[in-house]
Amino acid sequence: MKVLFIINTDDGETVYNAMRLANVGVEKGDEVSVFMLGKGVLFETRGNDQFDVMGQVGKFQGDFYV
């Protein structure tokens, strides 16, 4: 299955959970793309100890557009 995630928020928890779901799709064999839009481009500054955004982004093996 082909899946596209469009993330347009800078909320760390939301970005973290979207990237976790994207990673699950990749692990299941889906063709997954993530597109950061609007405030979503600030994802690098939105993580914290509870929501490791950059850890999930670094783990992602699909197409990633910012």
PDB file of N, CA and C in Angstrom:
ATOM      1  N   MET A   1       0.846  -1.163   0.000  1.00  0.00           N
ATOM      2  CA  MET A   1       0.000   0.000   0.000  1.00  0.00           C
ATOM      3  C   MET A   1       0.898   1.235   0.000  1.00  0.00           C
ATOM      4  N   LYS A   2       0.472   2.278  -0.686  1.00  0.00           N
ATOM      5  CA  LYS A   2       1.167   3.558  -0.673  1.00  0.00           C
ATOM      6  C   LYS A   2       0.464   4.486   0.313  1.00  0.00           C
ATOM      7  N   VAL A   3       1.249   5.121   1.204  1.00  0.00           N
ATOM      8  CA  VAL A   3       0.697   5.985   2.238  1.00  0.00           C
ATOM      9  C   VAL A   3       1.470   7.302   2.251  1.00  0.00           C
ATOM     10  N   LEU A   4       0.746   8.411   2.385  1.00  0.00           N
ATOM     11  CA  LEU A   4       1.361   9.727   2.512  1.00  0.00           C
ATOM     12  C   LEU A   4       0.879  10.365   3.809  1.00  0.00           C
ATOM     13  N   PHE A   5       1.833  10.803   4.631  1.00  0.00           N
ATOM     14  CA  PHE A   5       1.531  11.557   5.838  1.00  0.00           C
ATOM     15  C   PHE A   5       1.877  13.006   5.577  1.00  0.00           C
ATOM     16  N   ILE A   6       0.926  13.898   5.807  1.00  0.00           N
ATOM     17  CA  ILE A   6       1.171  15.332   5.716  1.00  0.00           C
ATOM     18  C   ILE A   6       1.092  15.876   7.135  1.00  0.00           C
ATOM     19  N   ILE A   7       2.203  16.401   7.609  1.00  0.00           N
ATOM     20  CA  ILE A   7       2.275  16.918   8.979  1.00  0.00           C
ATOM     21  C   ILE A   7       2.387  18.432   8.887  1.00  0.00           C
ATOM     22  N   ASN A   8       1.384  19.127   9.416  1.00  0.00           N
ATOM     23  CA  ASN A   8       1.372  20.592   9.318  1.00  0.00           C
ATOM     24  C   ASN A   8       1.228  21.265  10.685  1.00  0.00           C
ATOM     25  N   THR A   9       1.744  20.614  11.702  1.00  0.00           N
ATOM     26  CA  THR A   9       1.692  21.177  13.050  1.00  0.00           C
ATOM     27  C   THR A   9       3.081  21.131  13.664  1.00  0.00           C
ATOM     28  N   ASP A  10       3.316  22.008  14.625  1.00  0.00           N
ATOM     29  CA  ASP A  10       4.588  21.979  15.332  1.00  0.00           C
ATOM     30  C   ASP A  10       4.427  21.395  16.738  1.00  0.00           C
ATOM     31  N   ASP A  11       3.317  20.727  16.985  1.00  0.00           N
ATOM     32  CA  ASP A  11       3.095  20.073  18.272  1.00  0.00           C
ATOM     33  C   ASP A  11       3.947  18.810  18.346  1.00  0.00           C
ATOM     34  N   GLY A  12       4.871  18.765  19.302  1.00  0.00           N
ATOM     35  CA  GLY A  12       5.814  17.658  19.406  1.00  0.00           C
ATOM     36  C   GLY A  12       5.159  16.295  19.537  1.00  0.00           C
ATOM     37  N   GLU A  13       4.111  16.201  20.338  1.00  0.00           N
ATOM     38  CA  GLU A  13       3.432  14.914  20.525  1.00  0.00           C
ATOM     39  C   GLU A  13       2.793  14.434  19.225  1.00  0.00           C
ATOM     40  N   THR A  14       2.174  15.334  18.491  1.00  0.00           N
ATOM     41  CA  THR A  14       1.518  14.966  17.243  1.00  0.00           C
ATOM     42  C   THR A  14       2.529  14.518  16.196  1.00  0.00           C
ATOM     43  N   VAL A  15       3.618  15.261  16.074  1.00  0.00           N
ATOM     44  CA  VAL A  15       4.665  14.892  15.111  1.00  0.00           C
ATOM     45  C   VAL A  15       5.269  13.547  15.481  1.00  0.00           C
ATOM     46  N   TYR A  16       5.546  13.357  16.751  1.00  0.00           N
ATOM     47  CA  TYR A  16       6.112  12.097  17.241  1.00  0.00           C
ATOM     48  C   TYR A  16       5.199  10.907  16.896  1.00  0.00           C
ATOM     49  N   ASN A  17       3.908  11.046  17.188  1.00  0.00           N
ATOM     50  CA  ASN A  17       2.978   9.941  16.923  1.00  0.00           C
ATOM     51  C   ASN A  17       2.784   9.696  15.437  1.00  0.00           C
ATOM     52  N   ALA A  18       2.779  10.750  14.628  1.00  0.00           N
ATOM     53  CA  ALA A  18       2.668  10.568  13.177  1.00  0.00           C
ATOM     54  C   ALA A  18       3.884   9.828  12.641  1.00  0.00           C
ATOM     55  N   MET A  19       5.062  10.177  13.118  1.00  0.00           N
ATOM     56  CA  MET A  19       6.276   9.501  12.657  1.00  0.00           C
ATOM     57  C   MET A  19       6.340   8.063  13.162  1.00  0.00           C
ATOM     58  N   ARG A  20       5.843   7.815  14.365  1.00  0.00           N
ATOM     59  CA  ARG A  20       5.770   6.423  14.850  1.00  0.00           C
ATOM     60  C   ARG A  20       4.887   5.594  13.942  1.00  0.00           C
ATOM     61  N   LEU A  21       3.735   6.146  13.564  1.00  0.00           N
ATOM     62  CA  LEU A  21       2.822   5.434  12.676  1.00  0.00           C
ATOM     63  C   LEU A  21       3.448   5.228  11.301  1.00  0.00           C
ATOM     64  N   ALA A  22       4.145   6.237  10.796  1.00  0.00           N
ATOM     65  CA  ALA A  22       4.835   6.102   9.508  1.00  0.00           C
ATOM     66  C   ALA A  22       5.875   4.982   9.580  1.00  0.00           C
ATOM     67  N   ASN A  23       6.608   4.899  10.682  1.00  0.00           N
ATOM     68  CA  ASN A  23       7.610   3.843  10.850  1.00  0.00           C
ATOM     69  C   ASN A  23       6.975   2.460  10.903  1.00  0.00           C
ATOM     70  N   VAL A  24       5.825   2.352  11.527  1.00  0.00           N
ATOM     71  CA  VAL A  24       5.121   1.062  11.556  1.00  0.00           C
ATOM     72  C   VAL A  24       4.744   0.645  10.136  1.00  0.00           C
ATOM     73  N   GLY A  25       4.271   1.598   9.338  1.00  0.00           N
ATOM     74  CA  GLY A  25       3.931   1.294   7.951  1.00  0.00           C
ATOM     75  C   GLY A  25       5.129   0.776   7.167  1.00  0.00           C
ATOM     76  N   VAL A  26       6.274   1.416   7.342  1.00  0.00           N
ATOM     77  CA  VAL A  26       7.496   0.969   6.660  1.00  0.00           C
ATOM     78  C   VAL A  26       7.860  -0.440   7.111  1.00  0.00           C
ATOM     79  N   GLU A  27       7.779  -0.685   8.410  1.00  0.00           N
ATOM     80  CA  GLU A  27       8.101  -2.013   8.943  1.00  0.00           C
ATOM     81  C   GLU A  27       7.174  -3.085   8.398  1.00  0.00           C
ATOM     82  N   LYS A  28       5.926  -2.726   8.098  1.00  0.00           N
ATOM     83  CA  LYS A  28       4.951  -3.679   7.562  1.00  0.00           C
ATOM     84  C   LYS A  28       5.108  -3.867   6.054  1.00  0.00           C
ATOM     85  N   GLY A  29       5.996  -3.068   5.434  1.00  0.00           N
ATOM     86  CA  GLY A  29       6.246  -3.231   4.004  1.00  0.00           C
ATOM     87  C   GLY A  29       5.510  -2.245   3.116  1.00  0.00           C
ATOM     88  N   ASP A  30       4.852  -1.256   3.708  1.00  0.00           N
ATOM     89  CA  ASP A  30       4.160  -0.240   2.911  1.00  0.00           C
ATOM     90  C   ASP A  30       5.155   0.766   2.354  1.00  0.00           C
ATOM     91  N   GLU A  31       4.789   1.405   1.264  1.00  0.00           N
ATOM     92  CA  GLU A  31       5.579   2.486   0.685  1.00  0.00           C
ATOM     93  C   GLU A  31       5.076   3.786   1.309  1.00  0.00           C
ATOM     94  N   VAL A  32       5.856   4.366   2.220  1.00  0.00           N
ATOM     95  CA  VAL A  32       5.413   5.491   3.028  1.00  0.00           C
ATOM     96  C   VAL A  32       6.211   6.742   2.693  1.00  0.00           C
ATOM     97  N   SER A  33       5.498   7.860   2.537  1.00  0.00           N
ATOM     98  CA  SER A  33       6.115   9.168   2.346  1.00  0.00           C
ATOM     99  C   SER A  33       5.594  10.107   3.426  1.00  0.00           C
ATOM    100  N   VAL A  34       6.466  11.022   3.867  1.00  0.00           N
ATOM    101  CA  VAL A  34       6.090  12.034   4.858  1.00  0.00           C
ATOM    102  C   VAL A  34       6.409  13.398   4.260  1.00  0.00           C
ATOM    103  N   PHE A  35       5.442  14.304   4.343  1.00  0.00           N
ATOM    104  CA  PHE A  35       5.606  15.663   3.830  1.00  0.00           C
ATOM    105  C   PHE A  35       5.344  16.629   4.970  1.00  0.00           C
ATOM    106  N   MET A  36       6.347  17.426   5.318  1.00  0.00           N
ATOM    107  CA  MET A  36       6.199  18.446   6.352  1.00  0.00           C
ATOM    108  C   MET A  36       5.749  19.741   5.691  1.00  0.00           C
ATOM    109  N   LEU A  37       4.680  20.313   6.202  1.00  0.00           N
ATOM    110  CA  LEU A  37       4.067  21.493   5.596  1.00  0.00           C
ATOM    111  C   LEU A  37       3.799  22.537   6.670  1.00  0.00           C
ATOM    112  N   GLY A  38       3.925  23.806   6.361  1.00  0.00           N
ATOM    113  CA  GLY A  38       3.623  24.877   7.312  1.00  0.00           C
ATOM    114  C   GLY A  38       4.489  24.786   8.546  1.00  0.00           C
ATOM    115  N   LYS A  39       3.863  24.806   9.718  1.00  0.00           N
ATOM    116  CA  LYS A  39       4.600  24.735  10.981  1.00  0.00           C
ATOM    117  C   LYS A  39       5.290  23.392  11.180  1.00  0.00           C
ATOM    118  N   GLY A  40       4.911  22.401  10.394  1.00  0.00           N
ATOM    119  CA  GLY A  40       5.541  21.089  10.489  1.00  0.00           C
ATOM    120  C   GLY A  40       7.028  21.113  10.198  1.00  0.00           C
ATOM    121  N   VAL A  41       7.491  22.120   9.457  1.00  0.00           N
ATOM    122  CA  VAL A  41       8.921  22.201   9.142  1.00  0.00           C
ATOM    123  C   VAL A  41       9.763  22.489  10.377  1.00  0.00           C
ATOM    124  N   LEU A  42       9.135  22.849  11.486  1.00  0.00           N
ATOM    125  CA  LEU A  42       9.850  23.114  12.738  1.00  0.00           C
ATOM    126  C   LEU A  42      10.043  21.853  13.572  1.00  0.00           C
ATOM    127  N   PHE A  43       9.836  20.682  12.973  1.00  0.00           N
ATOM    128  CA  PHE A  43       9.856  19.414  13.709  1.00  0.00           C
ATOM    129  C   PHE A  43      11.155  19.201  14.484  1.00  0.00           C
ATOM    130  N   GLU A  44      12.281  19.697  13.996  1.00  0.00           N
ATOM    131  CA  GLU A  44      13.572  19.464  14.654  1.00  0.00           C
ATOM    132  C   GLU A  44      13.651  20.092  16.047  1.00  0.00           C
ATOM    133  N   THR A  45      12.870  21.133  16.277  1.00  0.00           N
ATOM    134  CA  THR A  45      12.932  21.839  17.563  1.00  0.00           C
ATOM    135  C   THR A  45      11.801  21.453  18.502  1.00  0.00           C
ATOM    136  N   ARG A  46      10.963  20.504  18.139  1.00  0.00           N
ATOM    137  CA  ARG A  46       9.758  20.215  18.923  1.00  0.00           C
ATOM    138  C   ARG A  46       9.825  18.971  19.782  1.00  0.00           C
ATOM    139  N   GLY A  47      10.892  18.228  19.716  1.00  0.00           N
ATOM    140  CA  GLY A  47      10.989  17.027  20.535  1.00  0.00           C
ATOM    141  C   GLY A  47      11.402  17.355  21.957  1.00  0.00           C
ATOM    142  N   ASN A  48      11.205  16.385  22.840  1.00  0.00           N
ATOM    143  CA  ASN A  48      11.662  16.495  24.219  1.00  0.00           C
ATOM    144  C   ASN A  48      11.921  15.084  24.743  1.00  0.00           C
ATOM    145  N   ASP A  49      12.175  14.938  26.043  1.00  0.00           N
ATOM    146  CA  ASP A  49      12.479  13.619  26.592  1.00  0.00           C
ATOM    147  C   ASP A  49      11.322  12.637  26.417  1.00  0.00           C
ATOM    148  N   GLN A  50      10.114  13.131  26.510  1.00  0.00           N
ATOM    149  CA  GLN A  50       8.939  12.268  26.392  1.00  0.00           C
ATOM    150  C   GLN A  50       8.617  11.928  24.937  1.00  0.00           C
ATOM    151  N   PHE A  51       8.829  12.878  24.029  1.00  0.00           N
ATOM    152  CA  PHE A  51       8.494  12.680  22.615  1.00  0.00           C
ATOM    153  C   PHE A  51       9.756  12.894  21.776  1.00  0.00           C
ATOM    154  N   ASP A  52      10.464  11.800  21.507  1.00  0.00           N
ATOM    155  CA  ASP A  52      11.730  11.843  20.772  1.00  0.00           C
ATOM    156  C   ASP A  52      11.464  11.935  19.269  1.00  0.00           C
ATOM    157  N   VAL A  53      11.115  13.129  18.833  1.00  0.00           N
ATOM    158  CA  VAL A  53      10.775  13.364  17.421  1.00  0.00           C
ATOM    159  C   VAL A  53      11.946  12.993  16.519  1.00  0.00           C
ATOM    160  N   MET A  54      13.126  13.486  16.834  1.00  0.00           N
ATOM    161  CA  MET A  54      14.279  13.230  15.967  1.00  0.00           C
ATOM    162  C   MET A  54      14.668  11.755  15.948  1.00  0.00           C
ATOM    163  N   GLY A  55      14.432  11.036  17.022  1.00  0.00           N
ATOM    164  CA  GLY A  55      14.670   9.593  17.028  1.00  0.00           C
ATOM    165  C   GLY A  55      13.778   8.881  16.033  1.00  0.00           C
ATOM    166  N   GLN A  56      12.501   9.281  15.983  1.00  0.00           N
ATOM    167  CA  GLN A  56      11.559   8.677  15.045  1.00  0.00           C
ATOM    168  C   GLN A  56      11.879   9.089  13.606  1.00  0.00           C
ATOM    169  N   VAL A  57      12.249  10.340  13.409  1.00  0.00           N
ATOM    170  CA  VAL A  57      12.608  10.812  12.062  1.00  0.00           C
ATOM    171  C   VAL A  57      13.864  10.081  11.581  1.00  0.00           C
ATOM    172  N   GLY A  58      14.847   9.918  12.460  1.00  0.00           N
ATOM    173  CA  GLY A  58      16.075   9.223  12.093  1.00  0.00           C
ATOM    174  C   GLY A  58      15.856   7.762  11.750  1.00  0.00           C
ATOM    175  N   LYS A  59      14.861   7.157  12.352  1.00  0.00           N
ATOM    176  CA  LYS A  59      14.530   5.751  12.111  1.00  0.00           C
ATOM    177  C   LYS A  59      13.780   5.553  10.788  1.00  0.00           C
ATOM    178  N   PHE A  60      13.152   6.606  10.289  1.00  0.00           N
ATOM    179  CA  PHE A  60      12.277   6.514   9.127  1.00  0.00           C
ATOM    180  C   PHE A  60      13.057   6.173   7.868  1.00  0.00           C
ATOM    181  N   GLN A  61      12.570   5.193   7.097  1.00  0.00           N
ATOM    182  CA  GLN A  61      13.246   4.720   5.885  1.00  0.00           C
ATOM    183  C   GLN A  61      12.470   4.990   4.610  1.00  0.00           C
ATOM    184  N   GLY A  62      11.468   5.858   4.663  1.00  0.00           N
ATOM    185  CA  GLY A  62      10.691   6.169   3.462  1.00  0.00           C
ATOM    186  C   GLY A  62      11.125   7.507   2.867  1.00  0.00           C
ATOM    187  N   ASP A  63      10.296   8.036   1.979  1.00  0.00           N
ATOM    188  CA  ASP A  63      10.554   9.351   1.389  1.00  0.00           C
ATOM    189  C   ASP A  63      10.141  10.431   2.385  1.00  0.00           C
ATOM    190  N   PHE A  64      10.997  11.439   2.538  1.00  0.00           N
ATOM    191  CA  PHE A  64      10.777  12.491   3.524  1.00  0.00           C
ATOM    192  C   PHE A  64      10.987  13.835   2.854  1.00  0.00           C
ATOM    193  N   TYR A  65       9.935  14.654   2.840  1.00  0.00           N
ATOM    194  CA  TYR A  65       9.990  15.956   2.165  1.00  0.00           C
ATOM    195  C   TYR A  65       9.708  17.072   3.161  1.00  0.00           C
ATOM    196  N   VAL A  66      10.560  18.101   3.133  1.00  0.00           N
ATOM    197  CA  VAL A  66      10.376  19.260   4.002  1.00  0.00           C
ATOM    198  C   VAL A  66      10.303  20.491   3.133  1.00  0.00           C
TER     199      VAL A  66
END
